């Protein structure tokens, strides 16, 4: 068995070593632009160039070494429709997302962002506490990672709300779905957590119209994709005071350009796309298990529906 491996960051040797241990029957082949790759059974990729995708017409499946597949699907014409595209189910990312969102949410609820600003000005001034009943948290996207975040938030006692494209039922969560349920979901949310996959339907979803539906003095936490947010609209609503703050881990252009106005807005907290890193060992264990299932003629989880975009 031969597996074609490509990582945009070039960090392939640790992956090769783990594959040797966890899938010893496989030989790893590295893809290099300009060189004709030998025929392979599977491909494991992260941010592959279009030139590579055009060479994958004979593999049995393509594994994306991450949860988001929008970077692959934008080159849809270069991907053979008959070859399954398989994403990671979790591989350690769920708990990291839950940690990040919980930290950001509690920072706003306990007003630590305001205390940080006061401390910089040398102010000692206790602020009024907030009631959890008035701080409903809406999670936009209730897939595997979104559900994990809701699970992590449940013990804190916030009113929890969730929106998904299709109906879902999660105990303890007020669930909304579809275009008809989006407005009611947003109007009842004080803190909005974006966990959506990026598709043509969700790009720019968080524009002025939809962000303005949030409760007054709302907060936005985006750990999905930067293209979900209409950036000028977010800035406008922050400056108006309708949105009190935003924690953003993802952006349309990464690294975020130094001239970007987000850097100058003190109510926006910026992190460099670190909410959930792909854990190599867990990822390879999962990919190896799925390859063995495919070799045995068994179905695997995480096969991407290309029409839906995830």
Protein backbone atom coordinates (compact mmCIF):
# COMPACT_ATOMS: atom_id res chain seq x y z
CA UNK A 1 0.00 0.00 0.00
CA UNK A 2 1.27 3.47 -0.92
CA UNK A 3 0.09 6.75 0.64
CA UNK A 4 0.85 10.09 -0.98
CA UNK A 5 1.53 12.72 1.71
CA UNK A 6 1.59 16.48 1.38
CA UNK A 7 1.59 19.23 3.99
CA UNK A 8 1.81 22.88 3.07
CA UNK A 9 4.06 23.53 6.07
CA UNK A 10 6.56 20.89 4.92
CA UNK A 11 6.46 19.16 8.33
CA UNK A 12 6.30 15.62 6.95
CA UNK A 13 8.95 13.63 8.82
CA UNK A 14 6.96 13.26 12.10
CA UNK A 15 3.96 12.13 10.05
CA UNK A 16 6.08 9.57 8.22
CA UNK A 17 7.40 8.22 11.54
CA UNK A 18 3.92 7.87 13.03
CA UNK A 19 2.53 6.21 9.92
CA UNK A 20 5.42 3.73 10.07
CA UNK A 21 4.33 2.76 13.57
CA UNK A 22 0.56 2.91 13.19
CA UNK A 23 0.20 1.65 9.61
CA UNK A 24 3.43 -0.30 8.99
CA UNK A 25 2.08 -1.95 5.85
CA UNK A 26 2.01 1.45 4.12
CA UNK A 27 4.85 3.17 2.29
CA UNK A 28 4.71 6.95 2.42
CA UNK A 29 5.40 8.86 -0.79
CA UNK A 30 6.00 12.61 -0.70
CA UNK A 31 4.52 14.79 -3.40
CA UNK A 32 6.84 17.35 -4.98
CA UNK A 33 5.72 19.81 -7.60
CA UNK A 34 7.19 19.13 -11.00
CA UNK A 35 7.84 15.46 -10.23
CA UNK A 36 5.48 12.76 -11.43
CA UNK A 37 4.25 10.95 -8.33
CA UNK A 38 4.18 7.16 -8.38
CA UNK A 39 0.72 5.56 -8.32
CA UNK A 40 -0.67 5.55 -4.79
CA UNK A 41 -3.64 3.99 -3.05
CA UNK A 42 -4.51 6.93 -0.78
CA UNK A 43 -3.58 10.58 -0.33
CA UNK A 44 -3.26 12.46 2.98
CA UNK A 45 -3.14 16.21 2.40
CA UNK A 46 -3.29 19.58 4.08
CA UNK A 47 -3.63 22.71 1.89
CA UNK A 48 -2.50 20.94 -1.28
CA UNK A 49 -1.83 22.95 -4.45
CA UNK A 50 -4.21 22.45 -7.40
CA UNK A 51 -1.40 20.81 -9.37
CA UNK A 52 -1.35 17.97 -6.85
CA UNK A 53 -5.09 17.42 -6.89
CA UNK A 54 -5.03 16.88 -10.63
CA UNK A 55 -2.73 13.88 -10.06
CA UNK A 56 -5.08 12.11 -7.66
CA UNK A 57 -7.52 10.59 -10.13
CA UNK A 58 -6.57 7.00 -9.27
CA UNK A 59 -6.47 7.00 -5.45
CA UNK A 60 -9.15 5.19 -3.44
CA UNK A 61 -9.72 8.14 -1.09
CA UNK A 62 -8.29 11.53 -0.17
CA UNK A 63 -7.90 12.29 3.54
CA UNK A 64 -7.91 15.91 4.61
CA UNK A 65 -5.68 16.34 7.68
CA UNK A 66 -8.09 18.74 9.35
CA UNK A 67 -11.78 19.32 10.03
CA UNK A 68 -12.43 22.11 7.50
CA UNK A 69 -12.52 21.10 3.83
CA UNK A 70 -13.37 24.47 2.25
CA UNK A 71 -9.75 24.87 1.17
CA UNK A 72 -10.02 21.67 -0.84
CA UNK A 73 -13.49 22.18 -2.23
CA UNK A 74 -12.62 25.52 -3.79
CA UNK A 75 -10.60 23.46 -6.26
CA UNK A 76 -13.58 21.23 -6.95
CA UNK A 77 -12.85 21.01 -10.67
CA UNK A 78 -9.50 19.41 -9.85
CA UNK A 79 -10.99 16.70 -7.63
CA UNK A 80 -12.49 13.64 -9.26
CA UNK A 81 -16.11 13.37 -8.04
CA UNK A 82 -15.87 9.59 -7.76
CA UNK A 83 -13.09 9.67 -5.15
CA UNK A 84 -14.24 9.99 -1.52
CA UNK A 85 -12.94 13.03 0.33
CA UNK A 86 -12.67 12.22 4.05
CA UNK A 87 -12.24 14.78 6.83
CA UNK A 88 -11.09 14.27 10.40
CA UNK A 89 -13.93 13.69 12.84
CA UNK A 90 -12.28 15.34 15.85
CA UNK A 91 -8.74 14.10 16.54
CA UNK A 92 -8.37 16.20 19.68
CA UNK A 93 -9.76 19.41 18.20
CA UNK A 94 -13.07 19.34 20.06
CA UNK A 95 -11.62 19.79 23.53
CA UNK A 96 -9.34 22.58 22.29
CA UNK A 97 -12.29 24.41 20.75
CA UNK A 98 -14.23 23.99 23.99
CA UNK A 99 -11.32 25.42 26.00
CA UNK A 100 -10.96 28.43 23.70
CA UNK A 101 -14.66 29.28 23.58
CA UNK A 102 -15.15 28.79 27.31
CA UNK A 103 -12.23 31.10 28.07
CA UNK A 104 -13.48 33.80 25.70
CA UNK A 105 -17.06 33.56 26.95
CA UNK A 106 -16.17 33.71 30.65
CA UNK A 107 -13.83 36.62 29.96
CA UNK A 108 -16.79 38.60 28.67
CA UNK A 109 -19.35 37.38 31.19
CA UNK A 110 -17.09 38.14 34.16
CA UNK A 111 -16.07 41.44 32.49
CA UNK A 112 -12.38 40.56 32.60
CA UNK A 113 -11.91 42.42 29.30
CA UNK A 114 -13.08 45.59 31.03
CA UNK A 115 -10.91 44.95 34.08
CA UNK A 116 -7.89 44.54 31.78
CA UNK A 117 -8.63 47.94 30.23
CA UNK A 118 -9.05 49.50 33.68
CA UNK A 119 -5.79 48.00 34.89
CA UNK A 120 -3.93 49.55 31.96
CA UNK A 121 -5.27 52.93 33.12
CA UNK A 122 -4.47 52.26 36.77
CA UNK A 123 -8.13 52.11 37.80
CA UNK A 124 -9.39 50.11 40.79
CA UNK A 125 -13.15 49.95 40.19
CA UNK A 126 -15.34 46.88 40.80
CA UNK A 127 -18.03 46.45 38.14
CA UNK A 128 -21.55 45.13 38.57
CA UNK A 129 -21.90 41.41 38.06
CA UNK A 130 -24.03 39.95 35.29
CA UNK A 131 -26.88 37.45 35.54
CA UNK A 132 -26.51 34.28 33.55
CA UNK A 133 -30.19 34.37 32.72
CA UNK A 134 -29.44 37.54 30.72
CA UNK A 135 -26.44 36.04 28.93
CA UNK A 136 -27.80 33.48 26.48
CA UNK A 137 -25.09 31.80 24.42
CA UNK A 138 -25.85 30.88 20.82
CA UNK A 139 -23.66 28.37 18.99
CA UNK A 140 -23.96 28.75 15.24
CA UNK A 141 -23.27 25.29 13.85
CA UNK A 142 -23.98 22.14 15.86
CA UNK A 143 -21.74 19.65 14.12
CA UNK A 144 -19.25 17.52 16.02
CA UNK A 145 -17.19 20.49 17.24
CA UNK A 146 -20.18 22.73 17.94
CA UNK A 147 -21.84 19.99 19.98
CA UNK A 148 -18.62 19.55 21.96
CA UNK A 149 -18.59 23.27 22.80
CA UNK A 150 -22.22 23.16 23.95
CA UNK A 151 -21.40 20.15 26.12
CA UNK A 152 -18.51 22.04 27.74
CA UNK A 153 -20.65 25.13 28.44
CA UNK A 154 -23.56 23.24 29.98
CA UNK A 155 -22.19 23.05 33.58
CA UNK A 156 -21.87 26.85 33.79
CA UNK A 157 -25.61 27.39 33.69
CA UNK A 158 -25.90 29.76 30.73
CA UNK A 159 -29.07 29.54 28.62
CA UNK A 160 -27.80 27.61 25.61
CA UNK A 161 -29.06 27.95 22.05
CA UNK A 162 -27.93 26.27 18.87
CA UNK A 163 -28.57 26.67 15.16
CA UNK A 164 -27.94 24.13 12.41
CA UNK A 165 -28.89 23.75 8.77
CA UNK A 166 -31.10 20.76 9.55
CA UNK A 167 -33.09 20.08 12.75
CA UNK A 168 -31.22 18.66 15.73
CA UNK A 169 -32.21 17.81 19.27
CA UNK A 170 -29.62 18.32 22.03
CA UNK A 171 -30.85 18.04 25.63
CA UNK A 172 -30.60 21.35 27.48
CA UNK A 173 -30.17 23.36 24.28
CA UNK A 174 -32.86 25.43 22.55
CA UNK A 175 -32.37 24.24 18.98
CA UNK A 176 -33.16 26.20 15.82
CA UNK A 177 -32.65 25.22 12.21
CA UNK A 178 -32.84 26.39 8.64
CA UNK A 179 -33.31 29.85 7.22
CA UNK A 180 -36.66 30.19 9.01
CA UNK A 181 -35.07 29.63 12.42
CA UNK A 182 -32.02 31.87 12.05
CA UNK A 183 -33.58 35.20 13.04
CA UNK A 184 -35.21 33.83 16.21
CA UNK A 185 -31.92 32.15 17.14
CA UNK A 186 -29.93 35.37 16.74
CA UNK A 187 -32.45 37.66 18.47
CA UNK A 188 -32.32 35.52 21.58
CA UNK A 189 -28.51 35.35 21.79
CA UNK A 190 -26.26 37.67 23.79
CA UNK A 191 -23.02 35.85 22.92
CA UNK A 192 -22.65 34.29 19.48
CA UNK A 193 -20.13 31.52 18.80
CA UNK A 194 -19.52 30.79 15.10
CA UNK A 195 -18.61 27.13 14.43
CA UNK A 196 -20.01 26.79 10.91
CA UNK A 197 -18.34 25.11 7.97
CA UNK A 198 -17.57 27.58 5.20
CA UNK A 199 -19.86 27.06 2.22
CA UNK A 200 -21.37 29.40 -0.38
CA UNK A 201 -24.45 29.64 1.87
CA UNK A 202 -22.50 30.62 5.01
CA UNK A 203 -19.95 33.02 3.50
CA UNK A 204 -20.63 36.56 4.79
CA UNK A 205 -23.52 35.23 6.89
CA UNK A 206 -22.41 37.42 9.79
CA UNK A 207 -23.13 40.70 8.05
CA UNK A 208 -24.74 43.88 9.36
CA UNK A 209 -28.25 42.53 8.94
CA UNK A 210 -27.66 39.37 10.95
CA UNK A 211 -25.25 40.77 13.56
CA UNK A 212 -27.74 43.55 14.30
CA UNK A 213 -30.29 40.89 15.26
CA UNK A 214 -28.20 39.95 18.30
CA UNK A 215 -29.20 41.37 21.66
CA UNK A 216 -27.76 44.75 22.58
CA UNK A 217 -24.21 44.68 24.00
CA UNK A 218 -23.61 41.35 22.30
CA UNK A 219 -20.35 39.47 21.88
CA UNK A 220 -18.99 37.50 18.93
CA UNK A 221 -16.54 34.59 19.13
CA UNK A 222 -15.43 33.25 15.73
CA UNK A 223 -13.39 30.05 15.59
CA UNK A 224 -14.68 28.86 12.20
CA UNK A 225 -13.53 30.82 9.14
CA UNK A 226 -12.84 34.50 8.60
CA UNK A 227 -15.03 34.62 5.50
CA UNK A 228 -18.13 34.10 7.63
CA UNK A 229 -17.80 37.69 8.87
CA UNK A 230 -18.41 40.82 6.82
CA UNK A 231 -15.54 42.70 8.43
CA UNK A 232 -16.63 46.32 7.75
CA UNK A 233 -20.09 45.51 9.16
CA UNK A 234 -18.60 44.07 12.35
CA UNK A 235 -16.47 47.19 12.84
CA UNK A 236 -19.51 49.43 12.31
CA UNK A 237 -21.56 47.58 14.92
CA UNK A 238 -18.70 47.59 17.42
CA UNK A 239 -18.21 51.33 17.03
CA UNK A 240 -21.96 51.87 17.45
CA UNK A 241 -21.89 49.86 20.69
CA UNK A 242 -24.38 47.23 19.55
CA UNK A 243 -21.59 44.65 19.71
CA UNK A 244 -19.55 45.12 22.87
CA UNK A 245 -16.62 42.94 21.85
CA UNK A 246 -15.36 40.22 19.55
CA UNK A 247 -12.81 37.45 19.94
CA UNK A 248 -11.56 36.40 16.51
CA UNK A 249 -9.24 33.49 15.78
CA UNK A 250 -9.76 33.35 12.00
CA UNK A 251 -9.60 35.96 9.25
CA UNK A 252 -10.09 36.36 5.52
CA UNK A 253 -6.38 36.98 5.05
CA UNK A 254 -3.92 35.18 7.30
CA UNK A 255 -1.63 36.33 8.77
CA UNK A 256 -3.85 39.33 9.44
CA UNK A 257 -2.17 42.30 7.67
CA UNK A 258 -0.68 44.84 10.05
CA UNK A 259 -2.64 47.66 8.39
CA UNK A 260 -5.95 45.91 9.06
CA UNK A 261 -8.28 48.05 11.22
CA UNK A 262 -8.98 45.14 13.57
CA UNK A 263 -5.54 45.71 15.13
CA UNK A 264 -6.54 49.24 16.15
CA UNK A 265 -9.90 48.31 17.68
CA UNK A 266 -9.40 47.59 21.42
CA UNK A 267 -12.70 45.74 21.68
CA UNK A 268 -11.48 43.08 19.24
CA UNK A 269 -9.25 40.34 20.65
CA UNK A 270 -7.08 38.63 18.04
CA UNK A 271 -5.43 35.21 18.13
CA UNK A 272 -3.48 33.69 15.20
CA UNK A 273 -5.72 30.74 14.20
CA UNK A 274 -4.79 28.64 17.23
CA UNK A 275 -8.20 27.74 18.67
CA UNK A 276 -7.68 24.08 17.78
CA UNK A 277 -4.52 22.62 16.31
CA UNK A 278 -4.55 19.30 14.48
CA UNK A 279 -2.98 16.73 16.79
CA UNK A 280 -0.73 14.61 14.62
CA UNK A 281 -0.82 11.35 16.56
CA UNK A 282 -4.58 11.34 17.02
CA UNK A 283 -5.06 12.28 13.36
CA UNK A 284 -2.88 9.48 12.06
CA UNK A 285 -4.53 6.94 14.35
CA UNK A 286 -7.89 7.97 12.91
CA UNK A 287 -6.71 7.98 9.28
CA UNK A 288 -5.01 4.58 9.70
CA UNK A 289 -8.19 3.11 11.17
CA UNK A 290 -10.27 4.45 8.29
CA UNK A 291 -7.84 3.13 5.69
CA UNK A 292 -8.06 -0.32 7.25
CA UNK A 293 -11.86 -0.14 7.13
CA UNK A 294 -11.81 0.91 3.49
CA UNK A 295 -9.40 -1.91 2.66
CA UNK A 296 -11.85 -4.30 4.32
CA UNK A 297 -14.73 -2.89 2.27
CA UNK A 298 -16.34 -1.22 5.28
CA UNK A 299 -17.84 2.31 5.45
CA UNK A 300 -16.07 5.15 7.23
CA UNK A 301 -17.27 8.29 9.00
CA UNK A 302 -16.40 11.78 7.83
CA UNK A 303 -16.99 11.40 4.09
CA UNK A 304 -17.65 14.89 2.74
CA UNK A 305 -20.88 15.71 0.97
CA UNK A 306 -19.52 17.96 -1.76
CA UNK A 307 -22.90 19.48 -2.55
CA UNK A 308 -23.38 20.60 1.06
CA UNK A 309 -19.73 21.56 1.47
CA UNK A 310 -18.88 19.52 4.59
